[in-house]
Amino acid sequence: MLWIVSKYLLTAAVVVLVSELAKRSDKLGGLVAALPLVTVLTLIWLHLEQQPAQKIANHAWFTFWYVVPTLPMFLAFPLLLPKLGFWPALLACVIISVVSFALFALLLRRFGLELL
């Protein structure tokens, strides 16, 4: 139980760190947010929990493919925010991400890569 609580606390600390840095510096907050900190922590947790190397490698492999269709959201949000306000812009970006992911998954299926 202590292990799970430690994992939650450290992972939450990363999110708090990014949000605090973003309050102080847009560039630094963006840089740290762009780092794959959650993925790195996940790879560490999987390794420490003695998951097979193939499972850890698969996690990294699929993370790459899942990140690609989320990138349009980061371009759309700054454009939509002043026009729509925070919550509608965020909702629109979630929809953009879901649609981008679905289209990307269909495209990759043609090349033999199943994301869904």
PDB file of N, CA and C in Angstrom:
ATOM      1  N   MET A   1       0.831  -1.198   0.000  1.00  0.00           N
ATOM      2  CA  MET A   1       0.000   0.000   0.000  1.00  0.00           C
ATOM      3  C   MET A   1       0.874   1.260   0.000  1.00  0.00           C
ATOM      4  N   LEU A   2       1.966   1.233   0.750  1.00  0.00           N
ATOM      5  CA  LEU A   2       2.873   2.378   0.801  1.00  0.00           C
ATOM      6  C   LEU A   2       3.454   2.662  -0.573  1.00  0.00           C
ATOM      7  N   TRP A   3       3.719   1.593  -1.343  1.00  0.00           N
ATOM      8  CA  TRP A   3       4.264   1.739  -2.692  1.00  0.00           C
ATOM      9  C   TRP A   3       3.294   2.515  -3.586  1.00  0.00           C
ATOM     10  N   ILE A   4       2.023   2.152  -3.537  1.00  0.00           N
ATOM     11  CA  ILE A   4       1.017   2.815  -4.376  1.00  0.00           C
ATOM     12  C   ILE A   4       0.865   4.276  -3.959  1.00  0.00           C
ATOM     13  N   VAL A   5       0.839   4.535  -2.675  1.00  0.00           N
ATOM     14  CA  VAL A   5       0.728   5.913  -2.195  1.00  0.00           C
ATOM     15  C   VAL A   5       1.947   6.722  -2.645  1.00  0.00           C
ATOM     16  N   SER A   6       3.123   6.139  -2.578  1.00  0.00           N
ATOM     17  CA  SER A   6       4.340   6.818  -3.026  1.00  0.00           C
ATOM     18  C   SER A   6       4.265   7.144  -4.512  1.00  0.00           C
ATOM     19  N   LYS A   7       3.772   6.202  -5.303  1.00  0.00           N
ATOM     20  CA  LYS A   7       3.625   6.430  -6.742  1.00  0.00           C
ATOM     21  C   LYS A   7       2.675   7.598  -7.007  1.00  0.00           C
ATOM     22  N   TYR A   8       1.547   7.603  -6.334  1.00  0.00           N
ATOM     23  CA  TYR A   8       0.577   8.690  -6.511  1.00  0.00           C
ATOM     24  C   TYR A   8       1.174  10.035  -6.108  1.00  0.00           C
ATOM     25  N   LEU A   9       1.856  10.065  -4.982  1.00  0.00           N
ATOM     26  CA  LEU A   9       2.422  11.327  -4.506  1.00  0.00           C
ATOM     27  C   LEU A   9       3.486  11.873  -5.447  1.00  0.00           C
ATOM     28  N   LEU A  10       4.381  11.026  -5.914  1.00  0.00           N
ATOM     29  CA  LEU A  10       5.432  11.483  -6.816  1.00  0.00           C
ATOM     30  C   LEU A  10       4.850  11.923  -8.159  1.00  0.00           C
ATOM     31  N   THR A  11       3.906  11.161  -8.671  1.00  0.00           N
ATOM     32  CA  THR A  11       3.282  11.506  -9.940  1.00  0.00           C
ATOM     33  C   THR A  11       2.502  12.817  -9.812  1.00  0.00           C
ATOM     34  N   ALA A  12       1.775  12.994  -8.725  1.00  0.00           N
ATOM     35  CA  ALA A  12       1.051  14.250  -8.496  1.00  0.00           C
ATOM     36  C   ALA A  12       2.022  15.415  -8.348  1.00  0.00           C
ATOM     37  N   ALA A  13       3.156  15.183  -7.711  1.00  0.00           N
ATOM     38  CA  ALA A  13       4.155  16.239  -7.543  1.00  0.00           C
ATOM     39  C   ALA A  13       4.662  16.739  -8.894  1.00  0.00           C
ATOM     40  N   VAL A  14       4.783  15.852  -9.859  1.00  0.00           N
ATOM     41  CA  VAL A  14       5.221  16.261 -11.203  1.00  0.00           C
ATOM     42  C   VAL A  14       4.199  17.211 -11.821  1.00  0.00           C
ATOM     43  N   VAL A  15       2.909  16.891 -11.696  1.00  0.00           N
ATOM     44  CA  VAL A  15       1.855  17.745 -12.250  1.00  0.00           C
ATOM     45  C   VAL A  15       1.862  19.104 -11.553  1.00  0.00           C
ATOM     46  N   VAL A  16       1.997  19.113 -10.234  1.00  0.00           N
ATOM     47  CA  VAL A  16       2.040  20.368  -9.484  1.00  0.00           C
ATOM     48  C   VAL A  16       3.270  21.180  -9.889  1.00  0.00           C
ATOM     49  N   LEU A  17       4.416  20.526 -10.044  1.00  0.00           N
ATOM     50  CA  LEU A  17       5.636  21.213 -10.460  1.00  0.00           C
ATOM     51  C   LEU A  17       5.436  21.908 -11.800  1.00  0.00           C
ATOM     52  N   VAL A  18       4.861  21.211 -12.766  1.00  0.00           N
ATOM     53  CA  VAL A  18       4.645  21.795 -14.090  1.00  0.00           C
ATOM     54  C   VAL A  18       3.711  22.999 -13.995  1.00  0.00           C
ATOM     55  N   SER A  19       2.624  22.863 -13.246  1.00  0.00           N
ATOM     56  CA  SER A  19       1.680  23.985 -13.152  1.00  0.00           C
ATOM     57  C   SER A  19       2.295  25.177 -12.428  1.00  0.00           C
ATOM     58  N   GLU A  20       3.112  24.941 -11.422  1.00  0.00           N
ATOM     59  CA  GLU A  20       3.783  26.044 -10.718  1.00  0.00           C
ATOM     60  C   GLU A  20       4.817  26.721 -11.605  1.00  0.00           C
ATOM     61  N   LEU A  21       5.572  25.930 -12.362  1.00  0.00           N
ATOM     62  CA  LEU A  21       6.538  26.511 -13.293  1.00  0.00           C
ATOM     63  C   LEU A  21       5.834  27.328 -14.371  1.00  0.00           C
ATOM     64  N   ALA A  22       4.700  26.830 -14.852  1.00  0.00           N
ATOM     65  CA  ALA A  22       3.953  27.541 -15.891  1.00  0.00           C
ATOM     66  C   ALA A  22       3.437  28.886 -15.394  1.00  0.00           C
ATOM     67  N   LYS A  23       3.113  28.991 -14.107  1.00  0.00           N
ATOM     68  CA  LYS A  23       2.670  30.267 -13.556  1.00  0.00           C
ATOM     69  C   LYS A  23       3.789  31.304 -13.594  1.00  0.00           C
ATOM     70  N   ARG A  24       5.017  30.846 -13.436  1.00  0.00           N
ATOM     71  CA  ARG A  24       6.162  31.746 -13.368  1.00  0.00           C
ATOM     72  C   ARG A  24       6.758  32.064 -14.735  1.00  0.00           C
ATOM     73  N   SER A  25       6.725  31.084 -15.642  1.00  0.00           N
ATOM     74  CA  SER A  25       7.331  31.273 -16.951  1.00  0.00           C
ATOM     75  C   SER A  25       6.608  30.419 -17.983  1.00  0.00           C
ATOM     76  N   ASP A  26       6.042  31.084 -18.979  1.00  0.00           N
ATOM     77  CA  ASP A  26       5.341  30.350 -20.037  1.00  0.00           C
ATOM     78  C   ASP A  26       6.289  29.373 -20.738  1.00  0.00           C
ATOM     79  N   LYS A  27       7.484  29.850 -21.057  1.00  0.00           N
ATOM     80  CA  LYS A  27       8.437  29.024 -21.794  1.00  0.00           C
ATOM     81  C   LYS A  27       8.918  27.844 -20.956  1.00  0.00           C
ATOM     82  N   LEU A  28       9.313  28.099 -19.708  1.00  0.00           N
ATOM     83  CA  LEU A  28       9.803  27.020 -18.855  1.00  0.00           C
ATOM     84  C   LEU A  28       8.694  26.019 -18.552  1.00  0.00           C
ATOM     85  N   GLY A  29       7.496  26.524 -18.272  1.00  0.00           N
ATOM     86  CA  GLY A  29       6.365  25.630 -18.022  1.00  0.00           C
ATOM     87  C   GLY A  29       6.061  24.765 -19.232  1.00  0.00           C
ATOM     88  N   GLY A  30       6.092  25.375 -20.419  1.00  0.00           N
ATOM     89  CA  GLY A  30       5.856  24.619 -21.649  1.00  0.00           C
ATOM     90  C   GLY A  30       6.936  23.584 -21.897  1.00  0.00           C
ATOM     91  N   LEU A  31       8.190  23.976 -21.643  1.00  0.00           N
ATOM     92  CA  LEU A  31       9.302  23.043 -21.841  1.00  0.00           C
ATOM     93  C   LEU A  31       9.171  21.834 -20.927  1.00  0.00           C
ATOM     94  N   VAL A  32       8.929  22.081 -19.655  1.00  0.00           N
ATOM     95  CA  VAL A  32       8.827  20.964 -18.708  1.00  0.00           C
ATOM     96  C   VAL A  32       7.585  20.126 -19.005  1.00  0.00           C
ATOM     97  N   ALA A  33       6.483  20.773 -19.411  1.00  0.00           N
ATOM     98  CA  ALA A  33       5.271  20.022 -19.753  1.00  0.00           C
ATOM     99  C   ALA A  33       5.495  19.158 -20.986  1.00  0.00           C
ATOM    100  N   ALA A  34       6.339  19.632 -21.901  1.00  0.00           N
ATOM    101  CA  ALA A  34       6.596  18.874 -23.127  1.00  0.00           C
ATOM    102  C   ALA A  34       7.495  17.668 -22.884  1.00  0.00           C
ATOM    103  N   LEU A  35       8.232  17.692 -21.803  1.00  0.00           N
ATOM    104  CA  LEU A  35       9.069  16.535 -21.487  1.00  0.00           C
ATOM    105  C   LEU A  35       8.161  15.351 -21.167  1.00  0.00           C
ATOM    106  N   PRO A  36       8.538  14.191 -21.551  1.00  0.00           N
ATOM    107  CA  PRO A  36       7.677  13.026 -21.308  1.00  0.00           C
ATOM    108  C   PRO A  36       7.808  12.513 -19.866  1.00  0.00           C
ATOM    109  N   LEU A  37       7.558  13.404 -18.901  1.00  0.00           N
ATOM    110  CA  LEU A  37       7.763  13.040 -17.499  1.00  0.00           C
ATOM    111  C   LEU A  37       6.840  11.918 -17.036  1.00  0.00           C
ATOM    112  N   VAL A  38       5.587  11.983 -17.432  1.00  0.00           N
ATOM    113  CA  VAL A  38       4.652  10.926 -17.018  1.00  0.00           C
ATOM    114  C   VAL A  38       5.073   9.596 -17.635  1.00  0.00           C
ATOM    115  N   THR A  39       5.484   9.630 -18.891  1.00  0.00           N
ATOM    116  CA  THR A  39       5.930   8.395 -19.538  1.00  0.00           C
ATOM    117  C   THR A  39       7.186   7.856 -18.870  1.00  0.00           C
ATOM    118  N   VAL A  40       8.129   8.738 -18.570  1.00  0.00           N
ATOM    119  CA  VAL A  40       9.356   8.294 -17.891  1.00  0.00           C
ATOM    120  C   VAL A  40       9.021   7.681 -16.535  1.00  0.00           C
ATOM    121  N   LEU A  41       8.140   8.336 -15.783  1.00  0.00           N
ATOM    122  CA  LEU A  41       7.732   7.764 -14.490  1.00  0.00           C
ATOM    123  C   LEU A  41       7.049   6.414 -14.684  1.00  0.00           C
ATOM    124  N   THR A  42       6.204   6.310 -15.695  1.00  0.00           N
ATOM    125  CA  THR A  42       5.525   5.043 -15.956  1.00  0.00           C
ATOM    126  C   THR A  42       6.523   3.943 -16.296  1.00  0.00           C
ATOM    127  N   LEU A  43       7.510   4.267 -17.141  1.00  0.00           N
ATOM    128  CA  LEU A  43       8.529   3.278 -17.464  1.00  0.00           C
ATOM    129  C   LEU A  43       9.298   2.850 -16.212  1.00  0.00           C
ATOM    130  N   ILE A  44       9.590   3.805 -15.350  1.00  0.00           N
ATOM    131  CA  ILE A  44      10.280   3.481 -14.087  1.00  0.00           C
ATOM    132  C   ILE A  44       9.401   2.587 -13.224  1.00  0.00           C
ATOM    133  N   TRP A  45       8.103   2.959 -13.084  1.00  0.00           N
ATOM    134  CA  TRP A  45       7.212   2.134 -12.253  1.00  0.00           C
ATOM    135  C   TRP A  45       7.128   0.717 -12.811  1.00  0.00           C
ATOM    136  N   LEU A  46       6.966   0.591 -14.127  1.00  0.00           N
ATOM    137  CA  LEU A  46       6.886  -0.749 -14.725  1.00  0.00           C
ATOM    138  C   LEU A  46       8.159  -1.547 -14.463  1.00  0.00           C
ATOM    139  N   HIS A  47       9.304  -0.891 -14.590  1.00  0.00           N
ATOM    140  CA  HIS A  47      10.582  -1.577 -14.346  1.00  0.00           C
ATOM    141  C   HIS A  47      10.702  -2.005 -12.885  1.00  0.00           C
ATOM    142  N   LEU A  48      10.389  -1.085 -11.970  1.00  0.00           N
ATOM    143  CA  LEU A  48      10.502  -1.413 -10.544  1.00  0.00           C
ATOM    144  C   LEU A  48       9.516  -2.491 -10.120  1.00  0.00           C
ATOM    145  N   GLU A  49       8.406  -2.582 -10.840  1.00  0.00           N
ATOM    146  CA  GLU A  49       7.418  -3.629 -10.558  1.00  0.00           C
ATOM    147  C   GLU A  49       7.714  -4.902 -11.338  1.00  0.00           C
ATOM    148  N   GLN A  50       8.916  -4.962 -11.908  1.00  0.00           N
ATOM    149  CA  GLN A  50       9.453  -6.142 -12.589  1.00  0.00           C
ATOM    150  C   GLN A  50       8.577  -6.644 -13.734  1.00  0.00           C
ATOM    151  N   GLN A  51       8.051  -5.698 -14.499  1.00  0.00           N
ATOM    152  CA  GLN A  51       7.310  -6.068 -15.701  1.00  0.00           C
ATOM    153  C   GLN A  51       8.317  -6.505 -16.759  1.00  0.00           C
ATOM    154  N   PRO A  52       7.918  -7.369 -17.663  1.00  0.00           N
ATOM    155  CA  PRO A  52       8.838  -7.832 -18.708  1.00  0.00           C
ATOM    156  C   PRO A  52       9.311  -6.670 -19.586  1.00  0.00           C
ATOM    157  N   ALA A  53      10.532  -6.789 -20.072  1.00  0.00           N
ATOM    158  CA  ALA A  53      11.111  -5.748 -20.923  1.00  0.00           C
ATOM    159  C   ALA A  53      10.231  -5.475 -22.136  1.00  0.00           C
ATOM    160  N   GLN A  54       9.628  -6.510 -22.696  1.00  0.00           N
ATOM    161  CA  GLN A  54       8.776  -6.318 -23.876  1.00  0.00           C
ATOM    162  C   GLN A  54       7.565  -5.452 -23.545  1.00  0.00           C
ATOM    163  N   LYS A  55       6.993  -5.617 -22.368  1.00  0.00           N
ATOM    164  CA  LYS A  55       5.845  -4.804 -21.963  1.00  0.00           C
ATOM    165  C   LYS A  55       6.261  -3.343 -21.824  1.00  0.00           C
ATOM    166  N   ILE A  56       7.433  -3.102 -21.242  1.00  0.00           N
ATOM    167  CA  ILE A  56       7.936  -1.738 -21.076  1.00  0.00           C
ATOM    168  C   ILE A  56       8.221  -1.123 -22.450  1.00  0.00           C
ATOM    169  N   ALA A  57       8.842  -1.888 -23.327  1.00  0.00           N
ATOM    170  CA  ALA A  57       9.133  -1.404 -24.681  1.00  0.00           C
ATOM    171  C   ALA A  57       7.836  -1.113 -25.438  1.00  0.00           C
ATOM    172  N   ASN A  58       6.843  -1.969 -25.307  1.00  0.00           N
ATOM    173  CA  ASN A  58       5.558  -1.745 -25.969  1.00  0.00           C
ATOM    174  C   ASN A  58       4.905  -0.455 -25.484  1.00  0.00           C
ATOM    175  N   HIS A  59       5.029  -0.196 -24.186  1.00  0.00           N
ATOM    176  CA  HIS A  59       4.454   1.036 -23.646  1.00  0.00           C
ATOM    177  C   HIS A  59       5.083   2.253 -24.327  1.00  0.00           C
ATOM    178  N   ALA A  60       6.388   2.276 -24.434  1.00  0.00           N
ATOM    179  CA  ALA A  60       7.080   3.397 -25.075  1.00  0.00           C
ATOM    180  C   ALA A  60       6.685   3.497 -26.557  1.00  0.00           C
ATOM    181  N   TRP A  61       6.625   2.359 -27.238  1.00  0.00           N
ATOM    182  CA  TRP A  61       6.278   2.321 -28.658  1.00  0.00           C
ATOM    183  C   TRP A  61       4.885   2.912 -28.907  1.00  0.00           C
ATOM    184  N   PHE A  62       3.888   2.434 -28.155  1.00  0.00           N
ATOM    185  CA  PHE A  62       2.535   2.925 -28.363  1.00  0.00           C
ATOM    186  C   PHE A  62       2.367   4.358 -27.879  1.00  0.00           C
ATOM    187  N   THR A  63       3.096   4.763 -26.861  1.00  0.00           N
ATOM    188  CA  THR A  63       3.033   6.155 -26.414  1.00  0.00           C
ATOM    189  C   THR A  63       3.421   7.088 -27.554  1.00  0.00           C
ATOM    190  N   PHE A  64       4.471   6.730 -28.284  1.00  0.00           N
ATOM    191  CA  PHE A  64       4.874   7.547 -29.432  1.00  0.00           C
ATOM    192  C   PHE A  64       3.704   7.725 -30.397  1.00  0.00           C
ATOM    193  N   TRP A  65       3.071   6.642 -30.770  1.00  0.00           N
ATOM    194  CA  TRP A  65       1.999   6.715 -31.755  1.00  0.00           C
ATOM    195  C   TRP A  65       0.773   7.440 -31.218  1.00  0.00           C
ATOM    196  N   TYR A  66       0.531   7.398 -29.909  1.00  0.00           N
ATOM    197  CA  TYR A  66      -0.614   8.102 -29.326  1.00  0.00           C
ATOM    198  C   TYR A  66      -0.351   9.597 -29.170  1.00  0.00           C
ATOM    199  N   VAL A  67       0.903  10.000 -29.084  1.00  0.00           N
ATOM    200  CA  VAL A  67       1.233  11.417 -28.940  1.00  0.00           C
ATOM    201  C   VAL A  67       1.004  12.168 -30.252  1.00  0.00           C
ATOM    202  N   VAL A  68       1.362  11.561 -31.363  1.00  0.00           N
ATOM    203  CA  VAL A  68       1.307  12.239 -32.666  1.00  0.00           C
ATOM    204  C   VAL A  68      -0.057  12.886 -32.940  1.00  0.00           C
ATOM    205  N   PRO A  69      -1.189  12.173 -32.787  1.00  0.00           N
ATOM    206  CA  PRO A  69      -2.466  12.828 -33.112  1.00  0.00           C
ATOM    207  C   PRO A  69      -2.929  13.858 -32.079  1.00  0.00           C
ATOM    208  N   THR A  70      -2.246  13.971 -30.954  1.00  0.00           N
ATOM    209  CA  THR A  70      -2.636  15.005 -29.984  1.00  0.00           C
ATOM    210  C   THR A  70      -1.977  16.346 -30.290  1.00  0.00           C
ATOM    211  N   LEU A  71      -0.992  16.367 -31.147  1.00  0.00           N
ATOM    212  CA  LEU A  71      -0.259  17.601 -31.426  1.00  0.00           C
ATOM    213  C   LEU A  71      -1.118  18.731 -32.001  1.00  0.00           C
ATOM    214  N   PRO A  72      -2.095  18.457 -32.877  1.00  0.00           N
ATOM    215  CA  PRO A  72      -2.923  19.568 -33.376  1.00  0.00           C
ATOM    216  C   PRO A  72      -3.634  20.352 -32.263  1.00  0.00           C
ATOM    217  N   MET A  73      -3.928  19.687 -31.157  1.00  0.00           N
ATOM    218  CA  MET A  73      -4.584  20.370 -30.052  1.00  0.00           C
ATOM    219  C   MET A  73      -3.747  21.542 -29.546  1.00  0.00           C
ATOM    220  N   PHE A  74      -2.432  21.362 -29.503  1.00  0.00           N
ATOM    221  CA  PHE A  74      -1.568  22.404 -28.975  1.00  0.00           C
ATOM    222  C   PHE A  74      -1.479  23.603 -29.910  1.00  0.00           C
ATOM    223  N   LEU A  75      -1.779  23.404 -31.180  1.00  0.00           N
ATOM    224  CA  LEU A  75      -1.856  24.524 -32.115  1.00  0.00           C
ATOM    225  C   LEU A  75      -3.229  25.186 -32.061  1.00  0.00           C
ATOM    226  N   ALA A  76      -4.269  24.392 -31.893  1.00  0.00           N
ATOM    227  CA  ALA A  76      -5.635  24.914 -31.904  1.00  0.00           C
ATOM    228  C   ALA A  76      -5.964  25.694 -30.634  1.00  0.00           C
ATOM    229  N   PHE A  77      -5.500  25.244 -29.488  1.00  0.00           N
ATOM    230  CA  PHE A  77      -5.900  25.871 -28.224  1.00  0.00           C
ATOM    231  C   PHE A  77      -5.566  27.361 -28.168  1.00  0.00           C
ATOM    232  N   PRO A  78      -4.337  27.784 -28.490  1.00  0.00           N
ATOM    233  CA  PRO A  78      -4.062  29.228 -28.425  1.00  0.00           C
ATOM    234  C   PRO A  78      -4.894  30.044 -29.412  1.00  0.00           C
ATOM    235  N   LEU A  79      -5.301  29.439 -30.516  1.00  0.00           N
ATOM    236  CA  LEU A  79      -6.148  30.143 -31.479  1.00  0.00           C
ATOM    237  C   LEU A  79      -7.595  30.234 -31.010  1.00  0.00           C
ATOM    238  N   LEU A  80      -8.074  29.172 -30.382  1.00  0.00           N
ATOM    239  CA  LEU A  80      -9.472  29.121 -29.951  1.00  0.00           C
ATOM    240  C   LEU A  80      -9.726  29.837 -28.631  1.00  0.00           C
ATOM    241  N   LEU A  81      -8.742  29.884 -27.765  1.00  0.00           N
ATOM    242  CA  LEU A  81      -8.935  30.458 -26.425  1.00  0.00           C
ATOM    243  C   LEU A  81      -9.480  31.883 -26.463  1.00  0.00           C
ATOM    244  N   PRO A  82      -8.888  32.813 -27.204  1.00  0.00           N
ATOM    245  CA  PRO A  82      -9.435  34.172 -27.184  1.00  0.00           C
ATOM    246  C   PRO A  82     -10.818  34.283 -27.838  1.00  0.00           C
ATOM    247  N   LYS A  83     -11.131  33.368 -28.739  1.00  0.00           N
ATOM    248  CA  LYS A  83     -12.412  33.431 -29.445  1.00  0.00           C
ATOM    249  C   LYS A  83     -13.547  32.773 -28.675  1.00  0.00           C
ATOM    250  N   LEU A  84     -13.232  31.670 -27.974  1.00  0.00           N
ATOM    251  CA  LEU A  84     -14.283  30.874 -27.337  1.00  0.00           C
ATOM    252  C   LEU A  84     -14.294  30.960 -25.820  1.00  0.00           C
ATOM    253  N   GLY A  85     -13.180  31.330 -25.212  1.00  0.00           N
ATOM    254  CA  GLY A  85     -13.052  31.241 -23.766  1.00  0.00           C
ATOM    255  C   GLY A  85     -12.428  29.904 -23.395  1.00  0.00           C
ATOM    256  N   PHE A  86     -12.066  29.775 -22.123  1.00  0.00           N
ATOM    257  CA  PHE A  86     -11.287  28.614 -21.691  1.00  0.00           C
ATOM    258  C   PHE A  86     -12.013  27.286 -21.885  1.00  0.00           C
ATOM    259  N   TRP A  87     -13.174  27.121 -21.255  1.00  0.00           N
ATOM    260  CA  TRP A  87     -13.834  25.811 -21.260  1.00  0.00           C
ATOM    261  C   TRP A  87     -14.281  25.373 -22.648  1.00  0.00           C
ATOM    262  N   PRO A  88     -14.918  26.254 -23.432  1.00  0.00           N
ATOM    263  CA  PRO A  88     -15.265  25.823 -24.799  1.00  0.00           C
ATOM    264  C   PRO A  88     -14.029  25.500 -25.652  1.00  0.00           C
ATOM    265  N   ALA A  89     -12.963  26.275 -25.496  1.00  0.00           N
ATOM    266  CA  ALA A  89     -11.733  25.995 -26.249  1.00  0.00           C
ATOM    267  C   ALA A  89     -11.149  24.651 -25.833  1.00  0.00           C
ATOM    268  N   LEU A  90     -11.149  24.386 -24.534  1.00  0.00           N
ATOM    269  CA  LEU A  90     -10.638  23.106 -24.048  1.00  0.00           C
ATOM    270  C   LEU A  90     -11.483  21.950 -24.569  1.00  0.00           C
ATOM    271  N   LEU A  91     -12.795  22.105 -24.536  1.00  0.00           N
ATOM    272  CA  LEU A  91     -13.687  21.069 -25.056  1.00  0.00           C
ATOM    273  C   LEU A  91     -13.447  20.864 -26.555  1.00  0.00           C
ATOM    274  N   ALA A  92     -13.321  21.949 -27.290  1.00  0.00           N
ATOM    275  CA  ALA A  92     -13.053  21.837 -28.726  1.00  0.00           C
ATOM    276  C   ALA A  92     -11.740  21.100 -28.970  1.00  0.00           C
ATOM    277  N   CYS A  93     -10.747  21.360 -28.149  1.00  0.00           N
ATOM    278  CA  CYS A  93      -9.449  20.695 -28.307  1.00  0.00           C
ATOM    279  C   CYS A  93      -9.522  19.214 -27.971  1.00  0.00           C
ATOM    280  N   VAL A  94     -10.338  18.869 -26.993  1.00  0.00           N
ATOM    281  CA  VAL A  94     -10.546  17.449 -26.691  1.00  0.00           C
ATOM    282  C   VAL A  94     -11.193  16.770 -27.892  1.00  0.00           C
ATOM    283  N   ILE A  95     -12.182  17.423 -28.480  1.00  0.00           N
ATOM    284  CA  ILE A  95     -12.849  16.860 -29.658  1.00  0.00           C
ATOM    285  C   ILE A  95     -11.863  16.756 -30.818  1.00  0.00           C
ATOM    286  N   ILE A  96     -11.063  17.790 -31.023  1.00  0.00           N
ATOM    287  CA  ILE A  96     -10.037  17.752 -32.071  1.00  0.00           C
ATOM    288  C   ILE A  96      -9.099  16.566 -31.845  1.00  0.00           C
ATOM    289  N   SER A  97      -8.698  16.345 -30.600  1.00  0.00           N
ATOM    290  CA  SER A  97      -7.788  15.240 -30.288  1.00  0.00           C
ATOM    291  C   SER A  97      -8.421  13.892 -30.569  1.00  0.00           C
ATOM    292  N   VAL A  98      -9.676  13.729 -30.180  1.00  0.00           N
ATOM    293  CA  VAL A  98     -10.370  12.456 -30.389  1.00  0.00           C
ATOM    294  C   VAL A  98     -10.529  12.181 -31.884  1.00  0.00           C
ATOM    295  N   VAL A  99     -10.945  13.196 -32.637  1.00  0.00           N
ATOM    296  CA  VAL A  99     -11.109  13.031 -34.082  1.00  0.00           C
ATOM    297  C   VAL A  99      -9.761  12.762 -34.741  1.00  0.00           C
ATOM    298  N   SER A 100      -8.735  13.517 -34.341  1.00  0.00           N
ATOM    299  CA  SER A 100      -7.391  13.306 -34.901  1.00  0.00           C
ATOM    300  C   SER A 100      -6.903  11.896 -34.608  1.00  0.00           C
ATOM    301  N   PHE A 101      -7.141  11.439 -33.388  1.00  0.00           N
ATOM    302  CA  PHE A 101      -6.713  10.092 -33.032  1.00  0.00           C
ATOM    303  C   PHE A 101      -7.436   9.043 -33.875  1.00  0.00           C
ATOM    304  N   ALA A 102      -8.749   9.193 -34.032  1.00  0.00           N
ATOM    305  CA  ALA A 102      -9.512   8.218 -34.808  1.00  0.00           C
ATOM    306  C   ALA A 102      -9.024   8.178 -36.262  1.00  0.00           C
ATOM    307  N   LEU A 103      -8.822   9.346 -36.850  1.00  0.00           N
ATOM    308  CA  LEU A 103      -8.342   9.395 -38.234  1.00  0.00           C
ATOM    309  C   LEU A 103      -6.934   8.820 -38.352  1.00  0.00           C
ATOM    310  N   PHE A 104      -6.087   9.143 -37.384  1.00  0.00           N
ATOM    311  CA  PHE A 104      -4.709   8.645 -37.378  1.00  0.00           C
ATOM    312  C   PHE A 104      -4.697   7.123 -37.240  1.00  0.00           C
ATOM    313  N   ALA A 105      -5.555   6.599 -36.365  1.00  0.00           N
ATOM    314  CA  ALA A 105      -5.639   5.144 -36.180  1.00  0.00           C
ATOM    315  C   ALA A 105      -6.092   4.458 -37.469  1.00  0.00           C
ATOM    316  N   LEU A 106      -7.056   5.066 -38.157  1.00  0.00           N
ATOM    317  CA  LEU A 106      -7.500   4.496 -39.438  1.00  0.00           C
ATOM    318  C   LEU A 106      -6.381   4.519 -40.473  1.00  0.00           C
ATOM    319  N   LEU A 107      -5.624   5.601 -40.507  1.00  0.00           N
ATOM    320  CA  LEU A 107      -4.504   5.706 -41.434  1.00  0.00           C
ATOM    321  C   LEU A 107      -3.443   4.643 -41.135  1.00  0.00           C
ATOM    322  N   LEU A 108      -3.082   4.512 -39.866  1.00  0.00           N
ATOM    323  CA  LEU A 108      -2.038   3.555 -39.505  1.00  0.00           C
ATOM    324  C   LEU A 108      -2.475   2.107 -39.697  1.00  0.00           C
ATOM    325  N   ARG A 109      -3.765   1.867 -39.597  1.00  0.00           N
ATOM    326  CA  ARG A 109      -4.282   0.509 -39.825  1.00  0.00           C
ATOM    327  C   ARG A 109      -3.926   0.033 -41.229  1.00  0.00           C
ATOM    328  N   ARG A 110      -3.907   0.966 -42.178  1.00  0.00           N
ATOM    329  CA  ARG A 110      -3.543   0.604 -43.561  1.00  0.00           C
ATOM    330  C   ARG A 110      -2.100   0.128 -43.658  1.00  0.00           C
ATOM    331  N   PHE A 111      -1.290   0.513 -42.686  1.00  0.00           N
ATOM    332  CA  PHE A 111       0.128   0.110 -42.679  1.00  0.00           C
ATOM    333  C   PHE A 111       0.389  -1.019 -41.686  1.00  0.00           C
ATOM    334  N   GLY A 112      -0.683  -1.605 -41.162  1.00  0.00           N
ATOM    335  CA  GLY A 112      -0.549  -2.761 -40.289  1.00  0.00           C
ATOM    336  C   GLY A 112      -0.343  -2.446 -38.822  1.00  0.00           C
ATOM    337  N   LEU A 113      -0.512  -1.191 -38.417  1.00  0.00           N
ATOM    338  CA  LEU A 113      -0.336  -0.821 -37.007  1.00  0.00           C
ATOM    339  C   LEU A 113      -1.714  -0.579 -36.399  1.00  0.00           C
ATOM    340  N   GLU A 114      -2.099  -1.416 -35.457  1.00  0.00           N
ATOM    341  CA  GLU A 114      -3.400  -1.311 -34.799  1.00  0.00           C
ATOM    342  C   GLU A 114      -3.262  -0.524 -33.502  1.00  0.00           C
ATOM    343  N   LEU A 115      -3.882   0.660 -33.452  1.00  0.00           N
ATOM    344  CA  LEU A 115      -3.855   1.461 -32.228  1.00  0.00           C
ATOM    345  C   LEU A 115      -5.097   1.255 -31.378  1.00  0.00           C
ATOM    346  N   LEU A 116      -6.159   0.823 -31.985  1.00  0.00           N
ATOM    347  CA  LEU A 116      -7.405   0.613 -31.219  1.00  0.00           C
ATOM    348  C   LEU A 116      -7.656  -0.845 -30.989  1.00  0.00           C
TER     349      LEU A 116
END
